[in-house]
Each structure stands twice: as structure tokens, then as C-alpha cells.
All heavy atoms as atom14 arrays in JSON, in Angstrom:
{
  "sequence": "IFPASNGATELEVGFDDGSTRIVRLLSFLAGTPFHTVESSAALRRD",
  "atom14_mask": [
    [1, 1, 1, 1, 1, 1, 1, 1, 0, 0, 0, 0, 0, 0],
    [1, 1, 1, 1, 1, 1, 1, 1, 1, 1, 1, 0, 0, 0],
    [1, 1, 1, 1, 1, 1, 1, 0, 0, 0, 0, 0, 0, 0],
    [1, 1, 1, 1, 1, 0, 0, 0, 0, 0, 0, 0, 0, 0],
    [1, 1, 1, 1, 1, 1, 0, 0, 0, 0, 0, 0, 0, 0],
    [1, 1, 1, 1, 1, 1, 1, 1, 0, 0, 0, 0, 0, 0],
    [1, 1, 1, 1, 0, 0, 0, 0, 0, 0, 0, 0, 0, 0],
    [1, 1, 1, 1, 1, 0, 0, 0, 0, 0, 0, 0, 0, 0],
    [1, 1, 1, 1, 1, 1, 1, 0, 0, 0, 0, 0, 0, 0],
    [1, 1, 1, 1, 1, 1, 1, 1, 1, 0, 0, 0, 0, 0],
    [1, 1, 1, 1, 1, 1, 1, 1, 0, 0, 0, 0, 0, 0],
    [1, 1, 1, 1, 1, 1, 1, 1, 1, 0, 0, 0, 0, 0],
    [1, 1, 1, 1, 1, 1, 1, 0, 0, 0, 0, 0, 0, 0],
    [1, 1, 1, 1, 0, 0, 0, 0, 0, 0, 0, 0, 0, 0],
    [1, 1, 1, 1, 1, 1, 1, 1, 1, 1, 1, 0, 0, 0],
    [1, 1, 1, 1, 1, 1, 1, 1, 0, 0, 0, 0, 0, 0],
    [1, 1, 1, 1, 1, 1, 1, 1, 0, 0, 0, 0, 0, 0],
    [1, 1, 1, 1, 0, 0, 0, 0, 0, 0, 0, 0, 0, 0],
    [1, 1, 1, 1, 1, 1, 0, 0, 0, 0, 0, 0, 0, 0],
    [1, 1, 1, 1, 1, 1, 1, 0, 0, 0, 0, 0, 0, 0],
    [1, 1, 1, 1, 1, 1, 1, 1, 1, 1, 1, 0, 0, 0],
    [1, 1, 1, 1, 1, 1, 1, 1, 0, 0, 0, 0, 0, 0],
    [1, 1, 1, 1, 1, 1, 1, 0, 0, 0, 0, 0, 0, 0],
    [1, 1, 1, 1, 1, 1, 1, 1, 1, 1, 1, 0, 0, 0],
    [1, 1, 1, 1, 1, 1, 1, 1, 0, 0, 0, 0, 0, 0],
    [1, 1, 1, 1, 1, 1, 1, 1, 0, 0, 0, 0, 0, 0],
    [1, 1, 1, 1, 1, 1, 0, 0, 0, 0, 0, 0, 0, 0],
    [1, 1, 1, 1, 1, 1, 1, 1, 1, 1, 1, 0, 0, 0],
    [1, 1, 1, 1, 1, 1, 1, 1, 0, 0, 0, 0, 0, 0],
    [1, 1, 1, 1, 1, 0, 0, 0, 0, 0, 0, 0, 0, 0],
    [1, 1, 1, 1, 0, 0, 0, 0, 0, 0, 0, 0, 0, 0],
    [1, 1, 1, 1, 1, 1, 1, 0, 0, 0, 0, 0, 0, 0],
    [1, 1, 1, 1, 1, 1, 1, 0, 0, 0, 0, 0, 0, 0],
    [1, 1, 1, 1, 1, 1, 1, 1, 1, 1, 1, 0, 0, 0],
    [1, 1, 1, 1, 1, 1, 1, 1, 1, 1, 0, 0, 0, 0],
    [1, 1, 1, 1, 1, 1, 1, 0, 0, 0, 0, 0, 0, 0],
    [1, 1, 1, 1, 1, 1, 1, 0, 0, 0, 0, 0, 0, 0],
    [1, 1, 1, 1, 1, 1, 1, 1, 1, 0, 0, 0, 0, 0],
    [1, 1, 1, 1, 1, 1, 0, 0, 0, 0, 0, 0, 0, 0],
    [1, 1, 1, 1, 1, 1, 0, 0, 0, 0, 0, 0, 0, 0],
    [1, 1, 1, 1, 1, 0, 0, 0, 0, 0, 0, 0, 0, 0],
    [1, 1, 1, 1, 1, 0, 0, 0, 0, 0, 0, 0, 0, 0],
    [1, 1, 1, 1, 1, 1, 1, 1, 0, 0, 0, 0, 0, 0],
    [1, 1, 1, 1, 1, 1, 1, 1, 1, 1, 1, 0, 0, 0],
    [1, 1, 1, 1, 1, 1, 1, 1, 1, 1, 1, 0, 0, 0],
    [1, 1, 1, 1, 1, 1, 1, 1, 0, 0, 0, 0, 0, 0]
  ],
  "atom14_positions": [
    [[128.58, 85.09, 140.16], [128.79, 86.07, 139.1], [130.12, 86.79, 139.33], [130.4, 87.26, 140.43], [127.65, 87.1, 139.08], [126.3, 86.42, 138.81], [127.92, 88.18, 138.04], [126.07, 85.97, 137.4], [0.0, 0.0, 0.0], [0.0, 0.0, 0.0], [0.0, 0.0, 0.0], [0.0, 0.0, 0.0], [0.0, 0.0, 0.0], [0.0, 0.0, 0.0]],
    [[130.94, 86.9, 138.27], [132.18, 87.66, 138.33], [132.02, 88.95, 137.53], [131.61, 88.92, 136.37], [133.35, 86.86, 137.76], [133.75, 85.68, 138.59], [133.27, 84.41, 138.3], [134.6, 85.83, 139.68], [133.63, 83.32, 139.07], [134.96, 84.74, 140.46], [134.48, 83.49, 140.16], [0.0, 0.0, 0.0], [0.0, 0.0, 0.0], [0.0, 0.0, 0.0]],
    [[132.31, 90.1, 138.13], [132.2, 91.36, 137.39], [133.3, 91.49, 136.34], [134.37, 90.89, 136.45], [132.34, 92.43, 138.48], [133.15, 91.76, 139.55], [132.74, 90.31, 139.53], [0.0, 0.0, 0.0], [0.0, 0.0, 0.0], [0.0, 0.0, 0.0], [0.0, 0.0, 0.0], [0.0, 0.0, 0.0], [0.0, 0.0, 0.0], [0.0, 0.0, 0.0]],
    [[133.0, 92.29, 135.32], [134.0, 92.59, 134.29], [135.05, 93.53, 134.87], [134.94, 94.0, 136.0], [133.32, 93.22, 133.08], [0.0, 0.0, 0.0], [0.0, 0.0, 0.0], [0.0, 0.0, 0.0], [0.0, 0.0, 0.0], [0.0, 0.0, 0.0], [0.0, 0.0, 0.0], [0.0, 0.0, 0.0], [0.0, 0.0, 0.0], [0.0, 0.0, 0.0]],
    [[136.05, 93.82, 134.07], [137.16, 94.68, 134.53], [136.67, 96.04, 134.96], [137.28, 96.68, 135.83], [138.2, 94.82, 133.42], [138.71, 93.55, 133.05], [0.0, 0.0, 0.0], [0.0, 0.0, 0.0], [0.0, 0.0, 0.0], [0.0, 0.0, 0.0], [0.0, 0.0, 0.0], [0.0, 0.0, 0.0], [0.0, 0.0, 0.0], [0.0, 0.0, 0.0]],
    [[135.57, 96.51, 134.39], [135.02, 97.82, 134.75], [134.0, 97.74, 135.89], [133.36, 98.74, 136.2], [134.4, 98.48, 133.53], [133.18, 97.72, 132.99], [132.8, 96.68, 133.54], [132.59, 98.24, 131.94], [0.0, 0.0, 0.0], [0.0, 0.0, 0.0], [0.0, 0.0, 0.0], [0.0, 0.0, 0.0], [0.0, 0.0, 0.0], [0.0, 0.0, 0.0]],
    [[133.83, 96.56, 136.48], [132.91, 96.4, 137.6], [131.51, 95.98, 137.22], [130.68, 95.7, 138.09], [0.0, 0.0, 0.0], [0.0, 0.0, 0.0], [0.0, 0.0, 0.0], [0.0, 0.0, 0.0], [0.0, 0.0, 0.0], [0.0, 0.0, 0.0], [0.0, 0.0, 0.0], [0.0, 0.0, 0.0], [0.0, 0.0, 0.0], [0.0, 0.0, 0.0]],
    [[131.19, 95.93, 135.93], [129.84, 95.57, 135.49], [129.58, 94.08, 135.62], [130.43, 93.26, 135.27], [129.62, 96.0, 134.04], [0.0, 0.0, 0.0], [0.0, 0.0, 0.0], [0.0, 0.0, 0.0], [0.0, 0.0, 0.0], [0.0, 0.0, 0.0], [0.0, 0.0, 0.0], [0.0, 0.0, 0.0], [0.0, 0.0, 0.0], [0.0, 0.0, 0.0]],
    [[128.41, 93.71, 136.13], [128.03, 92.3, 136.2], [127.43, 91.83, 134.88], [127.34, 90.62, 134.63], [127.02, 92.06, 137.33], [125.92, 92.94, 137.17], [127.67, 92.28, 138.69], [0.0, 0.0, 0.0], [0.0, 0.0, 0.0], [0.0, 0.0, 0.0], [0.0, 0.0, 0.0], [0.0, 0.0, 0.0], [0.0, 0.0, 0.0], [0.0, 0.0, 0.0]],
    [[126.98, 92.76, 134.07], [126.44, 92.45, 132.74], [127.04, 93.42, 131.73], [127.11, 94.63, 131.99], [124.91, 92.59, 132.73], [124.19, 91.58, 133.61], [122.67, 91.77, 133.59], [122.22, 92.83, 133.1], [121.96, 90.86, 134.04], [0.0, 0.0, 0.0], [0.0, 0.0, 0.0], [0.0, 0.0, 0.0], [0.0, 0.0, 0.0], [0.0, 0.0, 0.0]],
    [[127.45, 92.87, 130.61], [127.97, 93.69, 129.51], [126.97, 93.64, 128.36], [126.55, 92.56, 127.95], [129.32, 93.18, 129.03], [130.46, 93.13, 130.04], [131.68, 92.44, 129.43], [130.81, 94.53, 130.52], [0.0, 0.0, 0.0], [0.0, 0.0, 0.0], [0.0, 0.0, 0.0], [0.0, 0.0, 0.0], [0.0, 0.0, 0.0], [0.0, 0.0, 0.0]],
    [[126.59, 94.77, 127.84], [125.7, 94.84, 126.68], [126.58, 95.03, 125.45], [127.06, 96.13, 125.17], [124.72, 96.0, 126.86], [123.5, 95.91, 125.98], [122.46, 96.94, 126.36], [122.7, 98.14, 126.11], [121.42, 96.56, 126.94], [0.0, 0.0, 0.0], [0.0, 0.0, 0.0], [0.0, 0.0, 0.0], [0.0, 0.0, 0.0], [0.0, 0.0, 0.0]],
    [[126.79, 93.94, 124.71], [127.77, 93.93, 123.63], [127.08, 93.86, 122.27], [126.19, 93.04, 122.06], [128.74, 92.73, 123.79], [129.75, 92.69, 122.64], [129.46, 92.8, 125.13], [0.0, 0.0, 0.0], [0.0, 0.0, 0.0], [0.0, 0.0, 0.0], [0.0, 0.0, 0.0], [0.0, 0.0, 0.0], [0.0, 0.0, 0.0], [0.0, 0.0, 0.0]],
    [[127.5, 94.72, 121.35], [127.0, 94.68, 119.99], [127.86, 93.77, 119.12], [129.08, 93.78, 119.22], [0.0, 0.0, 0.0], [0.0, 0.0, 0.0], [0.0, 0.0, 0.0], [0.0, 0.0, 0.0], [0.0, 0.0, 0.0], [0.0, 0.0, 0.0], [0.0, 0.0, 0.0], [0.0, 0.0, 0.0], [0.0, 0.0, 0.0], [0.0, 0.0, 0.0]],
    [[127.2, 92.97, 118.25], [127.91, 92.03, 117.39], [127.7, 92.41, 115.92], [126.79, 93.16, 115.56], [127.42, 90.6, 117.66], [127.84, 90.07, 119.0], [127.08, 90.35, 120.14], [128.99, 89.33, 119.14], [127.46, 89.88, 121.38], [129.39, 88.86, 120.37], [128.63, 89.13, 121.5], [0.0, 0.0, 0.0], [0.0, 0.0, 0.0], [0.0, 0.0, 0.0]],
    [[128.54, 91.86, 115.06], [128.54, 92.24, 113.65], [127.29, 91.79, 112.91], [127.04, 92.23, 111.78], [129.78, 91.68, 112.95], [131.04, 92.44, 113.32], [130.91, 93.52, 113.92], [132.14, 91.96, 113.02], [0.0, 0.0, 0.0], [0.0, 0.0, 0.0], [0.0, 0.0, 0.0], [0.0, 0.0, 0.0], [0.0, 0.0, 0.0], [0.0, 0.0, 0.0]],
    [[126.49, 90.88, 113.49], [125.24, 90.48, 112.84], [124.12, 91.47, 113.14], [122.97, 91.26, 112.74], [124.83, 89.07, 113.25], [124.52, 88.95, 114.74], [124.82, 89.91, 115.49], [123.99, 87.91, 115.16], [0.0, 0.0, 0.0], [0.0, 0.0, 0.0], [0.0, 0.0, 0.0], [0.0, 0.0, 0.0], [0.0, 0.0, 0.0], [0.0, 0.0, 0.0]],
    [[124.45, 92.54, 113.86], [123.46, 93.55, 114.21], [122.79, 93.33, 115.55], [122.03, 94.19, 116.02], [0.0, 0.0, 0.0], [0.0, 0.0, 0.0], [0.0, 0.0, 0.0], [0.0, 0.0, 0.0], [0.0, 0.0, 0.0], [0.0, 0.0, 0.0], [0.0, 0.0, 0.0], [0.0, 0.0, 0.0], [0.0, 0.0, 0.0], [0.0, 0.0, 0.0]],
    [[123.06, 92.21, 116.18], [122.43, 91.92, 117.47], [123.19, 92.58, 118.61], [124.38, 92.89, 118.5], [122.38, 90.41, 117.71], [123.67, 89.87, 117.89], [0.0, 0.0, 0.0], [0.0, 0.0, 0.0], [0.0, 0.0, 0.0], [0.0, 0.0, 0.0], [0.0, 0.0, 0.0], [0.0, 0.0, 0.0], [0.0, 0.0, 0.0], [0.0, 0.0, 0.0]],
    [[122.48, 92.8, 119.7], [123.08, 93.25, 120.95], [122.74, 92.2, 122.0], [121.56, 91.83, 122.16], [122.53, 94.62, 121.38], [122.84, 95.58, 120.37], [123.15, 95.06, 122.69], [0.0, 0.0, 0.0], [0.0, 0.0, 0.0], [0.0, 0.0, 0.0], [0.0, 0.0, 0.0], [0.0, 0.0, 0.0], [0.0, 0.0, 0.0], [0.0, 0.0, 0.0]],
    [[123.75, 91.71, 122.7], [123.54, 90.6, 123.62], [124.2, 90.9, 124.97], [125.22, 91.57, 125.03], [124.11, 89.3, 123.05], [123.76, 89.07, 121.58], [124.14, 87.69, 121.12], [124.13, 87.57, 119.66], [124.15, 86.44, 118.99], [124.21, 85.3, 119.65], [124.14, 86.43, 117.66], [0.0, 0.0, 0.0], [0.0, 0.0, 0.0], [0.0, 0.0, 0.0]],
    [[123.59, 90.35, 126.01], [124.15, 90.49, 127.36], [125.18, 89.39, 127.58], [124.92, 88.21, 127.35], [123.05, 90.39, 128.43], [122.05, 91.55, 128.28], [123.66, 90.4, 129.83], [122.65, 92.92, 128.49], [0.0, 0.0, 0.0], [0.0, 0.0, 0.0], [0.0, 0.0, 0.0], [0.0, 0.0, 0.0], [0.0, 0.0, 0.0], [0.0, 0.0, 0.0]],
    [[126.37, 89.8, 128.03], [127.47, 88.89, 128.3], [127.74, 88.87, 129.8], [127.83, 89.93, 130.43], [128.75, 89.31, 127.53], [129.92, 88.39, 127.9], [128.48, 89.29, 126.03], [0.0, 0.0, 0.0], [0.0, 0.0, 0.0], [0.0, 0.0, 0.0], [0.0, 0.0, 0.0], [0.0, 0.0, 0.0], [0.0, 0.0, 0.0], [0.0, 0.0, 0.0]],
    [[127.89, 87.68, 130.36], [128.19, 87.53, 131.8], [129.25, 86.46, 132.0], [129.37, 85.54, 131.19], [126.92, 87.13, 132.56], [125.84, 88.19, 132.62], [124.49, 87.59, 132.98], [123.99, 86.74, 131.91], [122.88, 86.01, 132.0], [122.19, 86.0, 133.12], [122.48, 85.26, 130.99], [0.0, 0.0, 0.0], [0.0, 0.0, 0.0], [0.0, 0.0, 0.0]],
    [[129.97, 86.57, 133.1], [130.97, 85.57, 133.47], [130.55, 84.93, 134.79], [130.34, 85.62, 135.79], [132.35, 86.2, 133.61], [133.49, 85.2, 133.85], [133.75, 84.37, 132.59], [134.78, 85.92, 134.26], [0.0, 0.0, 0.0], [0.0, 0.0, 0.0], [0.0, 0.0, 0.0], [0.0, 0.0, 0.0], [0.0, 0.0, 0.0], [0.0, 0.0, 0.0]],
    [[130.44, 83.59, 134.79], [130.02, 82.83, 135.96], [131.1, 81.83, 136.34], [131.94, 81.45, 135.52], [128.72, 82.07, 135.67], [127.39, 82.81, 135.68], [127.31, 83.86, 134.58], [126.24, 81.81, 135.51], [0.0, 0.0, 0.0], [0.0, 0.0, 0.0], [0.0, 0.0, 0.0], [0.0, 0.0, 0.0], [0.0, 0.0, 0.0], [0.0, 0.0, 0.0]],
    [[131.04, 81.38, 137.56], [131.91, 80.29, 137.98], [131.46, 79.0, 137.3], [130.27, 78.8, 137.05], [131.87, 80.12, 139.5], [130.55, 79.88, 139.95], [0.0, 0.0, 0.0], [0.0, 0.0, 0.0], [0.0, 0.0, 0.0], [0.0, 0.0, 0.0], [0.0, 0.0, 0.0], [0.0, 0.0, 0.0], [0.0, 0.0, 0.0], [0.0, 0.0, 0.0]],
    [[132.4, 78.13, 136.99], [132.09, 76.81, 136.45], [132.02, 75.82, 137.61], [132.96, 75.73, 138.42], [133.15, 76.36, 135.45], [132.93, 74.97, 134.92], [132.01, 74.75, 133.91], [133.63, 73.89, 135.44], [131.78, 73.47, 133.42], [133.41, 72.61, 134.96], [132.49, 72.39, 133.95], [0.0, 0.0, 0.0], [0.0, 0.0, 0.0], [0.0, 0.0, 0.0]],
    [[130.92, 75.11, 137.73], [130.74, 74.15, 138.82], [131.13, 72.76, 138.33], [130.41, 72.12, 137.57], [129.3, 74.17, 139.31], [128.81, 75.54, 139.82], [127.37, 75.46, 140.3], [129.72, 76.06, 140.92], [0.0, 0.0, 0.0], [0.0, 0.0, 0.0], [0.0, 0.0, 0.0], [0.0, 0.0, 0.0], [0.0, 0.0, 0.0], [0.0, 0.0, 0.0]],
    [[132.3, 72.32, 138.77], [132.83, 71.04, 138.31], [132.12, 69.88, 138.99], [131.63, 69.99, 140.12], [134.33, 70.98, 138.61], [0.0, 0.0, 0.0], [0.0, 0.0, 0.0], [0.0, 0.0, 0.0], [0.0, 0.0, 0.0], [0.0, 0.0, 0.0], [0.0, 0.0, 0.0], [0.0, 0.0, 0.0], [0.0, 0.0, 0.0], [0.0, 0.0, 0.0]],
    [[132.07, 68.76, 138.3], [131.46, 67.56, 138.85], [130.94, 66.67, 137.75], [131.3, 66.82, 136.58], [0.0, 0.0, 0.0], [0.0, 0.0, 0.0], [0.0, 0.0, 0.0], [0.0, 0.0, 0.0], [0.0, 0.0, 0.0], [0.0, 0.0, 0.0], [0.0, 0.0, 0.0], [0.0, 0.0, 0.0], [0.0, 0.0, 0.0], [0.0, 0.0, 0.0]],
    [[130.08, 65.75, 138.12], [129.52, 64.79, 137.18], [128.04, 65.1, 136.97], [127.3, 65.27, 137.94], [129.66, 63.36, 137.75], [131.02, 63.1, 138.08], [129.18, 62.33, 136.73], [0.0, 0.0, 0.0], [0.0, 0.0, 0.0], [0.0, 0.0, 0.0], [0.0, 0.0, 0.0], [0.0, 0.0, 0.0], [0.0, 0.0, 0.0], [0.0, 0.0, 0.0]],
    [[127.58, 65.19, 135.73], [126.15, 65.45, 135.49], [125.27, 64.41, 136.17], [125.55, 63.21, 136.11], [126.03, 65.38, 133.97], [127.4, 65.7, 133.45], [128.34, 65.11, 134.46], [0.0, 0.0, 0.0], [0.0, 0.0, 0.0], [0.0, 0.0, 0.0], [0.0, 0.0, 0.0], [0.0, 0.0, 0.0], [0.0, 0.0, 0.0], [0.0, 0.0, 0.0]],
    [[124.22, 64.87, 136.81], [123.33, 63.99, 137.57], [122.79, 62.86, 136.71], [122.67, 61.72, 137.18], [122.18, 64.82, 138.15], [121.32, 64.1, 139.16], [121.48, 64.33, 140.52], [120.35, 63.18, 138.77], [120.69, 63.68, 141.46], [119.55, 62.52, 139.69], [119.72, 62.77, 141.04], [0.0, 0.0, 0.0], [0.0, 0.0, 0.0], [0.0, 0.0, 0.0]],
    [[122.49, 63.15, 135.45], [121.86, 62.14, 134.61], [122.81, 61.0, 134.22], [122.37, 60.0, 133.66], [121.26, 62.77, 133.34], [122.28, 63.27, 132.36], [122.9, 64.5, 132.51], [122.78, 62.75, 131.22], [123.73, 64.69, 131.5], [123.68, 63.64, 130.71], [0.0, 0.0, 0.0], [0.0, 0.0, 0.0], [0.0, 0.0, 0.0], [0.0, 0.0, 0.0]],
    [[124.11, 61.15, 134.54], [125.07, 60.1, 134.2], [125.48, 59.24, 135.39], [126.24, 58.29, 135.22], [126.34, 60.71, 133.58], [127.04, 61.49, 134.57], [126.0, 61.59, 132.38], [0.0, 0.0, 0.0], [0.0, 0.0, 0.0], [0.0, 0.0, 0.0], [0.0, 0.0, 0.0], [0.0, 0.0, 0.0], [0.0, 0.0, 0.0], [0.0, 0.0, 0.0]],
    [[125.0, 59.57, 136.58], [125.41, 58.82, 137.77], [124.29, 57.88, 138.2], [123.12, 58.06, 137.85], [125.77, 59.76, 138.94], [126.83, 60.76, 138.52], [124.54, 60.49, 139.46], [0.0, 0.0, 0.0], [0.0, 0.0, 0.0], [0.0, 0.0, 0.0], [0.0, 0.0, 0.0], [0.0, 0.0, 0.0], [0.0, 0.0, 0.0], [0.0, 0.0, 0.0]],
    [[124.68, 56.87, 138.97], [123.69, 55.98, 139.56], [123.12, 56.65, 140.8], [123.84, 56.93, 141.76], [124.31, 54.63, 139.92], [123.32, 53.62, 140.46], [123.93, 52.25, 140.7], [125.08, 52.03, 140.26], [123.26, 51.4, 141.32], [0.0, 0.0, 0.0], [0.0, 0.0, 0.0], [0.0, 0.0, 0.0], [0.0, 0.0, 0.0], [0.0, 0.0, 0.0]],
    [[121.83, 56.93, 140.77], [121.22, 57.66, 141.87], [121.13, 56.8, 143.12], [121.14, 55.56, 143.06], [119.83, 58.15, 141.47], [119.27, 58.95, 142.47], [0.0, 0.0, 0.0], [0.0, 0.0, 0.0], [0.0, 0.0, 0.0], [0.0, 0.0, 0.0], [0.0, 0.0, 0.0], [0.0, 0.0, 0.0], [0.0, 0.0, 0.0], [0.0, 0.0, 0.0]],
    [[121.04, 57.45, 144.26], [120.89, 56.77, 145.55], [119.94, 57.58, 146.41], [119.69, 58.77, 146.14], [122.23, 56.63, 146.26], [122.74, 57.91, 146.62], [0.0, 0.0, 0.0], [0.0, 0.0, 0.0], [0.0, 0.0, 0.0], [0.0, 0.0, 0.0], [0.0, 0.0, 0.0], [0.0, 0.0, 0.0], [0.0, 0.0, 0.0], [0.0, 0.0, 0.0]],
    [[119.42, 56.97, 147.45], [118.52, 57.69, 148.36], [119.23, 58.88, 148.99], [118.64, 59.96, 149.13], [117.99, 56.74, 149.44], [0.0, 0.0, 0.0], [0.0, 0.0, 0.0], [0.0, 0.0, 0.0], [0.0, 0.0, 0.0], [0.0, 0.0, 0.0], [0.0, 0.0, 0.0], [0.0, 0.0, 0.0], [0.0, 0.0, 0.0], [0.0, 0.0, 0.0]],
    [[120.5, 58.7, 149.34], [121.25, 59.8, 149.96], [121.42, 60.96, 148.99], [121.3, 62.13, 149.38], [122.61, 59.29, 150.43], [0.0, 0.0, 0.0], [0.0, 0.0, 0.0], [0.0, 0.0, 0.0], [0.0, 0.0, 0.0], [0.0, 0.0, 0.0], [0.0, 0.0, 0.0], [0.0, 0.0, 0.0], [0.0, 0.0, 0.0], [0.0, 0.0, 0.0]],
    [[121.7, 60.65, 147.73], [121.86, 61.72, 146.74], [120.54, 62.43, 146.51], [120.5, 63.67, 146.43], [122.37, 61.13, 145.42], [122.57, 62.13, 144.27], [123.58, 63.21, 144.64], [123.0, 61.41, 143.0], [0.0, 0.0, 0.0], [0.0, 0.0, 0.0], [0.0, 0.0, 0.0], [0.0, 0.0, 0.0], [0.0, 0.0, 0.0], [0.0, 0.0, 0.0]],
    [[119.46, 61.68, 146.44], [118.15, 62.3, 146.23], [117.76, 63.16, 147.43], [117.16, 64.23, 147.26], [117.09, 61.24, 145.95], [117.29, 60.53, 144.62], [116.12, 59.62, 144.3], [116.05, 58.47, 145.19], [116.63, 57.3, 144.98], [117.38, 57.13, 143.89], [116.48, 56.29, 145.81], [0.0, 0.0, 0.0], [0.0, 0.0, 0.0], [0.0, 0.0, 0.0]],
    [[118.11, 62.74, 148.61], [117.83, 63.56, 149.79], [118.63, 64.85, 149.76], [118.12, 65.93, 150.11], [118.11, 62.77, 151.07], [117.06, 61.72, 151.39], [117.22, 61.19, 152.81], [118.44, 60.43, 153.0], [118.52, 59.11, 152.84], [117.45, 58.41, 152.48], [119.67, 58.48, 153.03], [0.0, 0.0, 0.0], [0.0, 0.0, 0.0], [0.0, 0.0, 0.0]],
    [[119.88, 64.77, 149.34], [120.68, 65.99, 149.25], [120.11, 66.93, 148.19], [120.1, 68.15, 148.37], [122.14, 65.65, 148.93], [123.08, 66.82, 149.22], [122.97, 67.42, 150.31], [123.9, 67.16, 148.35], [0.0, 0.0, 0.0], [0.0, 0.0, 0.0], [0.0, 0.0, 0.0], [0.0, 0.0, 0.0], [0.0, 0.0, 0.0], [0.0, 0.0, 0.0]]
  ]
}
């Protein structure tokens, strides 16, 4: 989790449709989706 500029880990933001939603910033974990790779015993153990 990355905090916002004001230190908040969650921002409660109002939108023009009348909704209020929690906004957060997370790290993106790069790699290949598991469902697209050929599985192996070593990968399953990990």
C-alpha cells in the first residue's frame, strides 16, 4: 500500500454520480498470470 500525499492509506472520494468510494494505491506485481503458464510440480510447490 502506498499512502496518498497527505499520508492517508485510504481516500474517501465523492463522485458526480452521488457515490462515495474508497480509493487506494497499490504496487503492481509484474509477471505472467498463472492461468496462462504451463504448470509444474516446482511451481505448484512454491
